[in-house]
PDBML (XML) file of the C-alpha atoms, coordinates in Angstrom:
<?xml version="1.0" encoding="UTF-8" ?>
<PDBx:datablock datablockName="MODEL"
   xmlns:PDBx="http://pdbml.pdb.org/schema/pdbx-v50.xsd"
   xmlns:xsi="http://www.w3.org/2001/XMLSchema-instance"
   xsi:schemaLocation="http://pdbml.pdb.org/schema/pdbx-v50.xsd pdbx-v50.xsd">
   <PDBx:atom_siteCategory>
      <PDBx:atom_site id="1">
         <PDBx:B_iso_or_equiv>0.00</PDBx:B_iso_or_equiv>
         <PDBx:Cartn_x>-7.929</PDBx:Cartn_x>
         <PDBx:Cartn_y>23.000</PDBx:Cartn_y>
         <PDBx:Cartn_z>5.567</PDBx:Cartn_z>
         <PDBx:auth_asym_id>A</PDBx:auth_asym_id>
         <PDBx:auth_atom_id>CA</PDBx:auth_atom_id>
         <PDBx:auth_comp_id>UNK</PDBx:auth_comp_id>
         <PDBx:auth_seq_id>1</PDBx:auth_seq_id>
         <PDBx:group_PDB>ATOM</PDBx:group_PDB>
         <PDBx:label_alt_id xsi:nil="true" />
         <PDBx:label_asym_id>A</PDBx:label_asym_id>
         <PDBx:label_atom_id>CA</PDBx:label_atom_id>
         <PDBx:label_comp_id>UNK</PDBx:label_comp_id>
         <PDBx:label_entity_id>1</PDBx:label_entity_id>
         <PDBx:label_seq_id>1</PDBx:label_seq_id>
         <PDBx:occupancy>1.00</PDBx:occupancy>
         <PDBx:pdbx_PDB_model_num>1</PDBx:pdbx_PDB_model_num>
         <PDBx:type_symbol>C</PDBx:type_symbol>
      </PDBx:atom_site>
      <PDBx:atom_site id="2">
         <PDBx:B_iso_or_equiv>0.00</PDBx:B_iso_or_equiv>
         <PDBx:Cartn_x>-6.001</PDBx:Cartn_x>
         <PDBx:Cartn_y>23.440</PDBx:Cartn_y>
         <PDBx:Cartn_z>2.300</PDBx:Cartn_z>
         <PDBx:auth_asym_id>A</PDBx:auth_asym_id>
         <PDBx:auth_atom_id>CA</PDBx:auth_atom_id>
         <PDBx:auth_comp_id>UNK</PDBx:auth_comp_id>
         <PDBx:auth_seq_id>2</PDBx:auth_seq_id>
         <PDBx:group_PDB>ATOM</PDBx:group_PDB>
         <PDBx:label_alt_id xsi:nil="true" />
         <PDBx:label_asym_id>A</PDBx:label_asym_id>
         <PDBx:label_atom_id>CA</PDBx:label_atom_id>
         <PDBx:label_comp_id>UNK</PDBx:label_comp_id>
         <PDBx:label_entity_id>1</PDBx:label_entity_id>
         <PDBx:label_seq_id>2</PDBx:label_seq_id>
         <PDBx:occupancy>1.00</PDBx:occupancy>
         <PDBx:pdbx_PDB_model_num>1</PDBx:pdbx_PDB_model_num>
         <PDBx:type_symbol>C</PDBx:type_symbol>
      </PDBx:atom_site>
      <PDBx:atom_site id="3">
         <PDBx:B_iso_or_equiv>0.00</PDBx:B_iso_or_equiv>
         <PDBx:Cartn_x>-2.907</PDBx:Cartn_x>
         <PDBx:Cartn_y>24.465</PDBx:Cartn_y>
         <PDBx:Cartn_z>4.221</PDBx:Cartn_z>
         <PDBx:auth_asym_id>A</PDBx:auth_asym_id>
         <PDBx:auth_atom_id>CA</PDBx:auth_atom_id>
         <PDBx:auth_comp_id>UNK</PDBx:auth_comp_id>
         <PDBx:auth_seq_id>3</PDBx:auth_seq_id>
         <PDBx:group_PDB>ATOM</PDBx:group_PDB>
         <PDBx:label_alt_id xsi:nil="true" />
         <PDBx:label_asym_id>A</PDBx:label_asym_id>
         <PDBx:label_atom_id>CA</PDBx:label_atom_id>
         <PDBx:label_comp_id>UNK</PDBx:label_comp_id>
         <PDBx:label_entity_id>1</PDBx:label_entity_id>
         <PDBx:label_seq_id>3</PDBx:label_seq_id>
         <PDBx:occupancy>1.00</PDBx:occupancy>
         <PDBx:pdbx_PDB_model_num>1</PDBx:pdbx_PDB_model_num>
         <PDBx:type_symbol>C</PDBx:type_symbol>
      </PDBx:atom_site>
      <PDBx:atom_site id="4">
         <PDBx:B_iso_or_equiv>0.00</PDBx:B_iso_or_equiv>
         <PDBx:Cartn_x>-3.261</PDBx:Cartn_x>
         <PDBx:Cartn_y>21.435</PDBx:Cartn_y>
         <PDBx:Cartn_z>6.489</PDBx:Cartn_z>
         <PDBx:auth_asym_id>A</PDBx:auth_asym_id>
         <PDBx:auth_atom_id>CA</PDBx:auth_atom_id>
         <PDBx:auth_comp_id>UNK</PDBx:auth_comp_id>
         <PDBx:auth_seq_id>4</PDBx:auth_seq_id>
         <PDBx:group_PDB>ATOM</PDBx:group_PDB>
         <PDBx:label_alt_id xsi:nil="true" />
         <PDBx:label_asym_id>A</PDBx:label_asym_id>
         <PDBx:label_atom_id>CA</PDBx:label_atom_id>
         <PDBx:label_comp_id>UNK</PDBx:label_comp_id>
         <PDBx:label_entity_id>1</PDBx:label_entity_id>
         <PDBx:label_seq_id>4</PDBx:label_seq_id>
         <PDBx:occupancy>1.00</PDBx:occupancy>
         <PDBx:pdbx_PDB_model_num>1</PDBx:pdbx_PDB_model_num>
         <PDBx:type_symbol>C</PDBx:type_symbol>
      </PDBx:atom_site>
      <PDBx:atom_site id="5">
         <PDBx:B_iso_or_equiv>0.00</PDBx:B_iso_or_equiv>
         <PDBx:Cartn_x>-3.379</PDBx:Cartn_x>
         <PDBx:Cartn_y>19.154</PDBx:Cartn_y>
         <PDBx:Cartn_z>3.441</PDBx:Cartn_z>
         <PDBx:auth_asym_id>A</PDBx:auth_asym_id>
         <PDBx:auth_atom_id>CA</PDBx:auth_atom_id>
         <PDBx:auth_comp_id>UNK</PDBx:auth_comp_id>
         <PDBx:auth_seq_id>5</PDBx:auth_seq_id>
         <PDBx:group_PDB>ATOM</PDBx:group_PDB>
         <PDBx:label_alt_id xsi:nil="true" />
         <PDBx:label_asym_id>A</PDBx:label_asym_id>
         <PDBx:label_atom_id>CA</PDBx:label_atom_id>
         <PDBx:label_comp_id>UNK</PDBx:label_comp_id>
         <PDBx:label_entity_id>1</PDBx:label_entity_id>
         <PDBx:label_seq_id>5</PDBx:label_seq_id>
         <PDBx:occupancy>1.00</PDBx:occupancy>
         <PDBx:pdbx_PDB_model_num>1</PDBx:pdbx_PDB_model_num>
         <PDBx:type_symbol>C</PDBx:type_symbol>
      </PDBx:atom_site>
      <PDBx:atom_site id="6">
         <PDBx:B_iso_or_equiv>0.00</PDBx:B_iso_or_equiv>
         <PDBx:Cartn_x>-0.349</PDBx:Cartn_x>
         <PDBx:Cartn_y>20.944</PDBx:Cartn_y>
         <PDBx:Cartn_z>2.024</PDBx:Cartn_z>
         <PDBx:auth_asym_id>A</PDBx:auth_asym_id>
         <PDBx:auth_atom_id>CA</PDBx:auth_atom_id>
         <PDBx:auth_comp_id>UNK</PDBx:auth_comp_id>
         <PDBx:auth_seq_id>6</PDBx:auth_seq_id>
         <PDBx:group_PDB>ATOM</PDBx:group_PDB>
         <PDBx:label_alt_id xsi:nil="true" />
         <PDBx:label_asym_id>A</PDBx:label_asym_id>
         <PDBx:label_atom_id>CA</PDBx:label_atom_id>
         <PDBx:label_comp_id>UNK</PDBx:label_comp_id>
         <PDBx:label_entity_id>1</PDBx:label_entity_id>
         <PDBx:label_seq_id>6</PDBx:label_seq_id>
         <PDBx:occupancy>1.00</PDBx:occupancy>
         <PDBx:pdbx_PDB_model_num>1</PDBx:pdbx_PDB_model_num>
         <PDBx:type_symbol>C</PDBx:type_symbol>
      </PDBx:atom_site>
      <PDBx:atom_site id="7">
         <PDBx:B_iso_or_equiv>0.00</PDBx:B_iso_or_equiv>
         <PDBx:Cartn_x>1.581</PDBx:Cartn_x>
         <PDBx:Cartn_y>20.436</PDBx:Cartn_y>
         <PDBx:Cartn_z>5.269</PDBx:Cartn_z>
         <PDBx:auth_asym_id>A</PDBx:auth_asym_id>
         <PDBx:auth_atom_id>CA</PDBx:auth_atom_id>
         <PDBx:auth_comp_id>UNK</PDBx:auth_comp_id>
         <PDBx:auth_seq_id>7</PDBx:auth_seq_id>
         <PDBx:group_PDB>ATOM</PDBx:group_PDB>
         <PDBx:label_alt_id xsi:nil="true" />
         <PDBx:label_asym_id>A</PDBx:label_asym_id>
         <PDBx:label_atom_id>CA</PDBx:label_atom_id>
         <PDBx:label_comp_id>UNK</PDBx:label_comp_id>
         <PDBx:label_entity_id>1</PDBx:label_entity_id>
         <PDBx:label_seq_id>7</PDBx:label_seq_id>
         <PDBx:occupancy>1.00</PDBx:occupancy>
         <PDBx:pdbx_PDB_model_num>1</PDBx:pdbx_PDB_model_num>
         <PDBx:type_symbol>C</PDBx:type_symbol>
      </PDBx:atom_site>
      <PDBx:atom_site id="8">
         <PDBx:B_iso_or_equiv>0.00</PDBx:B_iso_or_equiv>
         <PDBx:Cartn_x>0.573</PDBx:Cartn_x>
         <PDBx:Cartn_y>16.750</PDBx:Cartn_y>
         <PDBx:Cartn_z>5.310</PDBx:Cartn_z>
         <PDBx:auth_asym_id>A</PDBx:auth_asym_id>
         <PDBx:auth_atom_id>CA</PDBx:auth_atom_id>
         <PDBx:auth_comp_id>UNK</PDBx:auth_comp_id>
         <PDBx:auth_seq_id>8</PDBx:auth_seq_id>
         <PDBx:group_PDB>ATOM</PDBx:group_PDB>
         <PDBx:label_alt_id xsi:nil="true" />
         <PDBx:label_asym_id>A</PDBx:label_asym_id>
         <PDBx:label_atom_id>CA</PDBx:label_atom_id>
         <PDBx:label_comp_id>UNK</PDBx:label_comp_id>
         <PDBx:label_entity_id>1</PDBx:label_entity_id>
         <PDBx:label_seq_id>8</PDBx:label_seq_id>
         <PDBx:occupancy>1.00</PDBx:occupancy>
         <PDBx:pdbx_PDB_model_num>1</PDBx:pdbx_PDB_model_num>
         <PDBx:type_symbol>C</PDBx:type_symbol>
      </PDBx:atom_site>
      <PDBx:atom_site id="9">
         <PDBx:B_iso_or_equiv>0.00</PDBx:B_iso_or_equiv>
         <PDBx:Cartn_x>1.735</PDBx:Cartn_x>
         <PDBx:Cartn_y>16.374</PDBx:Cartn_y>
         <PDBx:Cartn_z>1.705</PDBx:Cartn_z>
         <PDBx:auth_asym_id>A</PDBx:auth_asym_id>
         <PDBx:auth_atom_id>CA</PDBx:auth_atom_id>
         <PDBx:auth_comp_id>UNK</PDBx:auth_comp_id>
         <PDBx:auth_seq_id>9</PDBx:auth_seq_id>
         <PDBx:group_PDB>ATOM</PDBx:group_PDB>
         <PDBx:label_alt_id xsi:nil="true" />
         <PDBx:label_asym_id>A</PDBx:label_asym_id>
         <PDBx:label_atom_id>CA</PDBx:label_atom_id>
         <PDBx:label_comp_id>UNK</PDBx:label_comp_id>
         <PDBx:label_entity_id>1</PDBx:label_entity_id>
         <PDBx:label_seq_id>9</PDBx:label_seq_id>
         <PDBx:occupancy>1.00</PDBx:occupancy>
         <PDBx:pdbx_PDB_model_num>1</PDBx:pdbx_PDB_model_num>
         <PDBx:type_symbol>C</PDBx:type_symbol>
      </PDBx:atom_site>
      <PDBx:atom_site id="10">
         <PDBx:B_iso_or_equiv>0.00</PDBx:B_iso_or_equiv>
         <PDBx:Cartn_x>5.077</PDBx:Cartn_x>
         <PDBx:Cartn_y>18.037</PDBx:Cartn_y>
         <PDBx:Cartn_z>2.446</PDBx:Cartn_z>
         <PDBx:auth_asym_id>A</PDBx:auth_asym_id>
         <PDBx:auth_atom_id>CA</PDBx:auth_atom_id>
         <PDBx:auth_comp_id>UNK</PDBx:auth_comp_id>
         <PDBx:auth_seq_id>10</PDBx:auth_seq_id>
         <PDBx:group_PDB>ATOM</PDBx:group_PDB>
         <PDBx:label_alt_id xsi:nil="true" />
         <PDBx:label_asym_id>A</PDBx:label_asym_id>
         <PDBx:label_atom_id>CA</PDBx:label_atom_id>
         <PDBx:label_comp_id>UNK</PDBx:label_comp_id>
         <PDBx:label_entity_id>1</PDBx:label_entity_id>
         <PDBx:label_seq_id>10</PDBx:label_seq_id>
         <PDBx:occupancy>1.00</PDBx:occupancy>
         <PDBx:pdbx_PDB_model_num>1</PDBx:pdbx_PDB_model_num>
         <PDBx:type_symbol>C</PDBx:type_symbol>
      </PDBx:atom_site>
      <PDBx:atom_site id="11">
         <PDBx:B_iso_or_equiv>0.00</PDBx:B_iso_or_equiv>
         <PDBx:Cartn_x>5.538</PDBx:Cartn_x>
         <PDBx:Cartn_y>15.802</PDBx:Cartn_y>
         <PDBx:Cartn_z>5.475</PDBx:Cartn_z>
         <PDBx:auth_asym_id>A</PDBx:auth_asym_id>
         <PDBx:auth_atom_id>CA</PDBx:auth_atom_id>
         <PDBx:auth_comp_id>UNK</PDBx:auth_comp_id>
         <PDBx:auth_seq_id>11</PDBx:auth_seq_id>
         <PDBx:group_PDB>ATOM</PDBx:group_PDB>
         <PDBx:label_alt_id xsi:nil="true" />
         <PDBx:label_asym_id>A</PDBx:label_asym_id>
         <PDBx:label_atom_id>CA</PDBx:label_atom_id>
         <PDBx:label_comp_id>UNK</PDBx:label_comp_id>
         <PDBx:label_entity_id>1</PDBx:label_entity_id>
         <PDBx:label_seq_id>11</PDBx:label_seq_id>
         <PDBx:occupancy>1.00</PDBx:occupancy>
         <PDBx:pdbx_PDB_model_num>1</PDBx:pdbx_PDB_model_num>
         <PDBx:type_symbol>C</PDBx:type_symbol>
      </PDBx:atom_site>
      <PDBx:atom_site id="12">
         <PDBx:B_iso_or_equiv>0.00</PDBx:B_iso_or_equiv>
         <PDBx:Cartn_x>4.946</PDBx:Cartn_x>
         <PDBx:Cartn_y>12.594</PDBx:Cartn_y>
         <PDBx:Cartn_z>3.513</PDBx:Cartn_z>
         <PDBx:auth_asym_id>A</PDBx:auth_asym_id>
         <PDBx:auth_atom_id>CA</PDBx:auth_atom_id>
         <PDBx:auth_comp_id>UNK</PDBx:auth_comp_id>
         <PDBx:auth_seq_id>12</PDBx:auth_seq_id>
         <PDBx:group_PDB>ATOM</PDBx:group_PDB>
         <PDBx:label_alt_id xsi:nil="true" />
         <PDBx:label_asym_id>A</PDBx:label_asym_id>
         <PDBx:label_atom_id>CA</PDBx:label_atom_id>
         <PDBx:label_comp_id>UNK</PDBx:label_comp_id>
         <PDBx:label_entity_id>1</PDBx:label_entity_id>
         <PDBx:label_seq_id>12</PDBx:label_seq_id>
         <PDBx:occupancy>1.00</PDBx:occupancy>
         <PDBx:pdbx_PDB_model_num>1</PDBx:pdbx_PDB_model_num>
         <PDBx:type_symbol>C</PDBx:type_symbol>
      </PDBx:atom_site>
      <PDBx:atom_site id="13">
         <PDBx:B_iso_or_equiv>0.00</PDBx:B_iso_or_equiv>
         <PDBx:Cartn_x>6.399</PDBx:Cartn_x>
         <PDBx:Cartn_y>13.416</PDBx:Cartn_y>
         <PDBx:Cartn_z>0.074</PDBx:Cartn_z>
         <PDBx:auth_asym_id>A</PDBx:auth_asym_id>
         <PDBx:auth_atom_id>CA</PDBx:auth_atom_id>
         <PDBx:auth_comp_id>UNK</PDBx:auth_comp_id>
         <PDBx:auth_seq_id>13</PDBx:auth_seq_id>
         <PDBx:group_PDB>ATOM</PDBx:group_PDB>
         <PDBx:label_alt_id xsi:nil="true" />
         <PDBx:label_asym_id>A</PDBx:label_asym_id>
         <PDBx:label_atom_id>CA</PDBx:label_atom_id>
         <PDBx:label_comp_id>UNK</PDBx:label_comp_id>
         <PDBx:label_entity_id>1</PDBx:label_entity_id>
         <PDBx:label_seq_id>13</PDBx:label_seq_id>
         <PDBx:occupancy>1.00</PDBx:occupancy>
         <PDBx:pdbx_PDB_model_num>1</PDBx:pdbx_PDB_model_num>
         <PDBx:type_symbol>C</PDBx:type_symbol>
      </PDBx:atom_site>
      <PDBx:atom_site id="14">
         <PDBx:B_iso_or_equiv>0.00</PDBx:B_iso_or_equiv>
         <PDBx:Cartn_x>10.034</PDBx:Cartn_x>
         <PDBx:Cartn_y>14.358</PDBx:Cartn_y>
         <PDBx:Cartn_z>0.413</PDBx:Cartn_z>
         <PDBx:auth_asym_id>A</PDBx:auth_asym_id>
         <PDBx:auth_atom_id>CA</PDBx:auth_atom_id>
         <PDBx:auth_comp_id>UNK</PDBx:auth_comp_id>
         <PDBx:auth_seq_id>14</PDBx:auth_seq_id>
         <PDBx:group_PDB>ATOM</PDBx:group_PDB>
         <PDBx:label_alt_id xsi:nil="true" />
         <PDBx:label_asym_id>A</PDBx:label_asym_id>
         <PDBx:label_atom_id>CA</PDBx:label_atom_id>
         <PDBx:label_comp_id>UNK</PDBx:label_comp_id>
         <PDBx:label_entity_id>1</PDBx:label_entity_id>
         <PDBx:label_seq_id>14</PDBx:label_seq_id>
         <PDBx:occupancy>1.00</PDBx:occupancy>
         <PDBx:pdbx_PDB_model_num>1</PDBx:pdbx_PDB_model_num>
         <PDBx:type_symbol>C</PDBx:type_symbol>
      </PDBx:atom_site>
      <PDBx:atom_site id="15">
         <PDBx:B_iso_or_equiv>0.00</PDBx:B_iso_or_equiv>
         <PDBx:Cartn_x>11.004</PDBx:Cartn_x>
         <PDBx:Cartn_y>16.649</PDBx:Cartn_y>
         <PDBx:Cartn_z>-2.470</PDBx:Cartn_z>
         <PDBx:auth_asym_id>A</PDBx:auth_asym_id>
         <PDBx:auth_atom_id>CA</PDBx:auth_atom_id>
         <PDBx:auth_comp_id>UNK</PDBx:auth_comp_id>
         <PDBx:auth_seq_id>15</PDBx:auth_seq_id>
         <PDBx:group_PDB>ATOM</PDBx:group_PDB>
         <PDBx:label_alt_id xsi:nil="true" />
         <PDBx:label_asym_id>A</PDBx:label_asym_id>
         <PDBx:label_atom_id>CA</PDBx:label_atom_id>
         <PDBx:label_comp_id>UNK</PDBx:label_comp_id>
         <PDBx:label_entity_id>1</PDBx:label_entity_id>
         <PDBx:label_seq_id>15</PDBx:label_seq_id>
         <PDBx:occupancy>1.00</PDBx:occupancy>
         <PDBx:pdbx_PDB_model_num>1</PDBx:pdbx_PDB_model_num>
         <PDBx:type_symbol>C</PDBx:type_symbol>
      </PDBx:atom_site>
      <PDBx:atom_site id="16">
         <PDBx:B_iso_or_equiv>0.00</PDBx:B_iso_or_equiv>
         <PDBx:Cartn_x>14.692</PDBx:Cartn_x>
         <PDBx:Cartn_y>16.528</PDBx:Cartn_y>
         <PDBx:Cartn_z>-1.616</PDBx:Cartn_z>
         <PDBx:auth_asym_id>A</PDBx:auth_asym_id>
         <PDBx:auth_atom_id>CA</PDBx:auth_atom_id>
         <PDBx:auth_comp_id>UNK</PDBx:auth_comp_id>
         <PDBx:auth_seq_id>16</PDBx:auth_seq_id>
         <PDBx:group_PDB>ATOM</PDBx:group_PDB>
         <PDBx:label_alt_id xsi:nil="true" />
         <PDBx:label_asym_id>A</PDBx:label_asym_id>
         <PDBx:label_atom_id>CA</PDBx:label_atom_id>
         <PDBx:label_comp_id>UNK</PDBx:label_comp_id>
         <PDBx:label_entity_id>1</PDBx:label_entity_id>
         <PDBx:label_seq_id>16</PDBx:label_seq_id>
         <PDBx:occupancy>1.00</PDBx:occupancy>
         <PDBx:pdbx_PDB_model_num>1</PDBx:pdbx_PDB_model_num>
         <PDBx:type_symbol>C</PDBx:type_symbol>
      </PDBx:atom_site>
      <PDBx:atom_site id="17">
         <PDBx:B_iso_or_equiv>0.00</PDBx:B_iso_or_equiv>
         <PDBx:Cartn_x>14.807</PDBx:Cartn_x>
         <PDBx:Cartn_y>12.812</PDBx:Cartn_y>
         <PDBx:Cartn_z>-2.410</PDBx:Cartn_z>
         <PDBx:auth_asym_id>A</PDBx:auth_asym_id>
         <PDBx:auth_atom_id>CA</PDBx:auth_atom_id>
         <PDBx:auth_comp_id>UNK</PDBx:auth_comp_id>
         <PDBx:auth_seq_id>17</PDBx:auth_seq_id>
         <PDBx:group_PDB>ATOM</PDBx:group_PDB>
         <PDBx:label_alt_id xsi:nil="true" />
         <PDBx:label_asym_id>A</PDBx:label_asym_id>
         <PDBx:label_atom_id>CA</PDBx:label_atom_id>
         <PDBx:label_comp_id>UNK</PDBx:label_comp_id>
         <PDBx:label_entity_id>1</PDBx:label_entity_id>
         <PDBx:label_seq_id>17</PDBx:label_seq_id>
         <PDBx:occupancy>1.00</PDBx:occupancy>
         <PDBx:pdbx_PDB_model_num>1</PDBx:pdbx_PDB_model_num>
         <PDBx:type_symbol>C</PDBx:type_symbol>
      </PDBx:atom_site>
      <PDBx:atom_site id="18">
         <PDBx:B_iso_or_equiv>0.00</PDBx:B_iso_or_equiv>
         <PDBx:Cartn_x>12.749</PDBx:Cartn_x>
         <PDBx:Cartn_y>12.866</PDBx:Cartn_y>
         <PDBx:Cartn_z>-5.601</PDBx:Cartn_z>
         <PDBx:auth_asym_id>A</PDBx:auth_asym_id>
         <PDBx:auth_atom_id>CA</PDBx:auth_atom_id>
         <PDBx:auth_comp_id>UNK</PDBx:auth_comp_id>
         <PDBx:auth_seq_id>18</PDBx:auth_seq_id>
         <PDBx:group_PDB>ATOM</PDBx:group_PDB>
         <PDBx:label_alt_id xsi:nil="true" />
         <PDBx:label_asym_id>A</PDBx:label_asym_id>
         <PDBx:label_atom_id>CA</PDBx:label_atom_id>
         <PDBx:label_comp_id>UNK</PDBx:label_comp_id>
         <PDBx:label_entity_id>1</PDBx:label_entity_id>
         <PDBx:label_seq_id>18</PDBx:label_seq_id>
         <PDBx:occupancy>1.00</PDBx:occupancy>
         <PDBx:pdbx_PDB_model_num>1</PDBx:pdbx_PDB_model_num>
         <PDBx:type_symbol>C</PDBx:type_symbol>
      </PDBx:atom_site>
      <PDBx:atom_site id="19">
         <PDBx:B_iso_or_equiv>0.00</PDBx:B_iso_or_equiv>
         <PDBx:Cartn_x>13.474</PDBx:Cartn_x>
         <PDBx:Cartn_y>13.981</PDBx:Cartn_y>
         <PDBx:Cartn_z>-9.143</PDBx:Cartn_z>
         <PDBx:auth_asym_id>A</PDBx:auth_asym_id>
         <PDBx:auth_atom_id>CA</PDBx:auth_atom_id>
         <PDBx:auth_comp_id>UNK</PDBx:auth_comp_id>
         <PDBx:auth_seq_id>19</PDBx:auth_seq_id>
         <PDBx:group_PDB>ATOM</PDBx:group_PDB>
         <PDBx:label_alt_id xsi:nil="true" />
         <PDBx:label_asym_id>A</PDBx:label_asym_id>
         <PDBx:label_atom_id>CA</PDBx:label_atom_id>
         <PDBx:label_comp_id>UNK</PDBx:label_comp_id>
         <PDBx:label_entity_id>1</PDBx:label_entity_id>
         <PDBx:label_seq_id>19</PDBx:label_seq_id>
         <PDBx:occupancy>1.00</PDBx:occupancy>
         <PDBx:pdbx_PDB_model_num>1</PDBx:pdbx_PDB_model_num>
         <PDBx:type_symbol>C</PDBx:type_symbol>
      </PDBx:atom_site>
      <PDBx:atom_site id="20">
         <PDBx:B_iso_or_equiv>0.00</PDBx:B_iso_or_equiv>
         <PDBx:Cartn_x>10.896</PDBx:Cartn_x>
         <PDBx:Cartn_y>16.244</PDBx:Cartn_y>
         <PDBx:Cartn_z>-10.757</PDBx:Cartn_z>
         <PDBx:auth_asym_id>A</PDBx:auth_asym_id>
         <PDBx:auth_atom_id>CA</PDBx:auth_atom_id>
         <PDBx:auth_comp_id>UNK</PDBx:auth_comp_id>
         <PDBx:auth_seq_id>20</PDBx:auth_seq_id>
         <PDBx:group_PDB>ATOM</PDBx:group_PDB>
         <PDBx:label_alt_id xsi:nil="true" />
         <PDBx:label_asym_id>A</PDBx:label_asym_id>
         <PDBx:label_atom_id>CA</PDBx:label_atom_id>
         <PDBx:label_comp_id>UNK</PDBx:label_comp_id>
         <PDBx:label_entity_id>1</PDBx:label_entity_id>
         <PDBx:label_seq_id>20</PDBx:label_seq_id>
         <PDBx:occupancy>1.00</PDBx:occupancy>
         <PDBx:pdbx_PDB_model_num>1</PDBx:pdbx_PDB_model_num>
         <PDBx:type_symbol>C</PDBx:type_symbol>
      </PDBx:atom_site>
      <PDBx:atom_site id="21">
         <PDBx:B_iso_or_equiv>0.00</PDBx:B_iso_or_equiv>
         <PDBx:Cartn_x>8.960</PDBx:Cartn_x>
         <PDBx:Cartn_y>13.404</PDBx:Cartn_y>
         <PDBx:Cartn_z>-12.442</PDBx:Cartn_z>
         <PDBx:auth_asym_id>A</PDBx:auth_asym_id>
         <PDBx:auth_atom_id>CA</PDBx:auth_atom_id>
         <PDBx:auth_comp_id>UNK</PDBx:auth_comp_id>
         <PDBx:auth_seq_id>21</PDBx:auth_seq_id>
         <PDBx:group_PDB>ATOM</PDBx:group_PDB>
         <PDBx:label_alt_id xsi:nil="true" />
         <PDBx:label_asym_id>A</PDBx:label_asym_id>
         <PDBx:label_atom_id>CA</PDBx:label_atom_id>
         <PDBx:label_comp_id>UNK</PDBx:label_comp_id>
         <PDBx:label_entity_id>1</PDBx:label_entity_id>
         <PDBx:label_seq_id>21</PDBx:label_seq_id>
         <PDBx:occupancy>1.00</PDBx:occupancy>
         <PDBx:pdbx_PDB_model_num>1</PDBx:pdbx_PDB_model_num>
         <PDBx:type_symbol>C</PDBx:type_symbol>
      </PDBx:atom_site>
      <PDBx:atom_site id="22">
         <PDBx:B_iso_or_equiv>0.00</PDBx:B_iso_or_equiv>
         <PDBx:Cartn_x>9.146</PDBx:Cartn_x>
         <PDBx:Cartn_y>11.308</PDBx:Cartn_y>
         <PDBx:Cartn_z>-9.276</PDBx:Cartn_z>
         <PDBx:auth_asym_id>A</PDBx:auth_asym_id>
         <PDBx:auth_atom_id>CA</PDBx:auth_atom_id>
         <PDBx:auth_comp_id>UNK</PDBx:auth_comp_id>
         <PDBx:auth_seq_id>22</PDBx:auth_seq_id>
         <PDBx:group_PDB>ATOM</PDBx:group_PDB>
         <PDBx:label_alt_id xsi:nil="true" />
         <PDBx:label_asym_id>A</PDBx:label_asym_id>
         <PDBx:label_atom_id>CA</PDBx:label_atom_id>
         <PDBx:label_comp_id>UNK</PDBx:label_comp_id>
         <PDBx:label_entity_id>1</PDBx:label_entity_id>
         <PDBx:label_seq_id>22</PDBx:label_seq_id>
         <PDBx:occupancy>1.00</PDBx:occupancy>
         <PDBx:pdbx_PDB_model_num>1</PDBx:pdbx_PDB_model_num>
         <PDBx:type_symbol>C</PDBx:type_symbol>
      </PDBx:atom_site>
      <PDBx:atom_site id="23">
         <PDBx:B_iso_or_equiv>0.00</PDBx:B_iso_or_equiv>
         <PDBx:Cartn_x>7.866</PDBx:Cartn_x>
         <PDBx:Cartn_y>14.205</PDBx:Cartn_y>
         <PDBx:Cartn_z>-7.204</PDBx:Cartn_z>
         <PDBx:auth_asym_id>A</PDBx:auth_asym_id>
         <PDBx:auth_atom_id>CA</PDBx:auth_atom_id>
         <PDBx:auth_comp_id>UNK</PDBx:auth_comp_id>
         <PDBx:auth_seq_id>23</PDBx:auth_seq_id>
         <PDBx:group_PDB>ATOM</PDBx:group_PDB>
         <PDBx:label_alt_id xsi:nil="true" />
         <PDBx:label_asym_id>A</PDBx:label_asym_id>
         <PDBx:label_atom_id>CA</PDBx:label_atom_id>
         <PDBx:label_comp_id>UNK</PDBx:label_comp_id>
         <PDBx:label_entity_id>1</PDBx:label_entity_id>
         <PDBx:label_seq_id>23</PDBx:label_seq_id>
         <PDBx:occupancy>1.00</PDBx:occupancy>
         <PDBx:pdbx_PDB_model_num>1</PDBx:pdbx_PDB_model_num>
         <PDBx:type_symbol>C</PDBx:type_symbol>
      </PDBx:atom_site>
      <PDBx:atom_site id="24">
         <PDBx:B_iso_or_equiv>0.00</PDBx:B_iso_or_equiv>
         <PDBx:Cartn_x>4.803</PDBx:Cartn_x>
         <PDBx:Cartn_y>14.619</PDBx:Cartn_y>
         <PDBx:Cartn_z>-9.426</PDBx:Cartn_z>
         <PDBx:auth_asym_id>A</PDBx:auth_asym_id>
         <PDBx:auth_atom_id>CA</PDBx:auth_atom_id>
         <PDBx:auth_comp_id>UNK</PDBx:auth_comp_id>
         <PDBx:auth_seq_id>24</PDBx:auth_seq_id>
         <PDBx:group_PDB>ATOM</PDBx:group_PDB>
         <PDBx:label_alt_id xsi:nil="true" />
         <PDBx:label_asym_id>A</PDBx:label_asym_id>
         <PDBx:label_atom_id>CA</PDBx:label_atom_id>
         <PDBx:label_comp_id>UNK</PDBx:label_comp_id>
         <PDBx:label_entity_id>1</PDBx:label_entity_id>
         <PDBx:label_seq_id>24</PDBx:label_seq_id>
         <PDBx:occupancy>1.00</PDBx:occupancy>
         <PDBx:pdbx_PDB_model_num>1</PDBx:pdbx_PDB_model_num>
         <PDBx:type_symbol>C</PDBx:type_symbol>
      </PDBx:atom_site>
      <PDBx:atom_site id="25">
         <PDBx:B_iso_or_equiv>0.00</PDBx:B_iso_or_equiv>
         <PDBx:Cartn_x>4.107</PDBx:Cartn_x>
         <PDBx:Cartn_y>10.863</PDBx:Cartn_y>
         <PDBx:Cartn_z>-9.329</PDBx:Cartn_z>
         <PDBx:auth_asym_id>A</PDBx:auth_asym_id>
         <PDBx:auth_atom_id>CA</PDBx:auth_atom_id>
         <PDBx:auth_comp_id>UNK</PDBx:auth_comp_id>
         <PDBx:auth_seq_id>25</PDBx:auth_seq_id>
         <PDBx:group_PDB>ATOM</PDBx:group_PDB>
         <PDBx:label_alt_id xsi:nil="true" />
         <PDBx:label_asym_id>A</PDBx:label_asym_id>
         <PDBx:label_atom_id>CA</PDBx:label_atom_id>
         <PDBx:label_comp_id>UNK</PDBx:label_comp_id>
         <PDBx:label_entity_id>1</PDBx:label_entity_id>
         <PDBx:label_seq_id>25</PDBx:label_seq_id>
         <PDBx:occupancy>1.00</PDBx:occupancy>
         <PDBx:pdbx_PDB_model_num>1</PDBx:pdbx_PDB_model_num>
         <PDBx:type_symbol>C</PDBx:type_symbol>
      </PDBx:atom_site>
   </PDBx:atom_siteCategory>
</PDBx:datablock>
């Protein structure tokens, strides 16, 4: 279940478009 949450997070929070502080927020 942790990996499924991680995949969901990666799908919805796009690291490529966010600066480090934005990514954390």
